[in-house]
Amino acid sequence: RLVESGGGLVQAGGSLRLSCAASGSIFSVSPMGWYRQLPGKPRELVATLTSDGNTNYADSVKGRFTISGDNAKNTVYLQMNSLKSEDTAVYYCWNPFAWGQGTQVTVSS
């Protein structure tokens, strides 16, 4: 089970940090990631983090977003800086076994 938090409303240029808490010890052995979905569009990859610390980012967020994890807390984070209106979406936490419920991020211009 994945539980997200940290979404909200922010002005363009601002920052938000999303958190995703994973139940159990699976966090330390499976990849984790963040996806987002804009209205009427398919879900798209934002960033992934492997169990050995490798990261991957969508081109649209490179240099602005950072994914990280805390094994002790079974939690993965998405630090989002320099937010743009086009980042407005529902953000979902992911691992190979589950999806989070989604958290809304709205960036006002």
Foldseek 3Di string as FASTA:
>chain_A
DKAKDWADEEAAQAKIKMKIADPDQCLLAWKKAKWWDDPPGDIGGAKIAGNVGDMDGDPVQPPFWDWDDDNVRNMIMIIGGRDDQVVFTWMWMDTPPDIYPTDTHGYHD
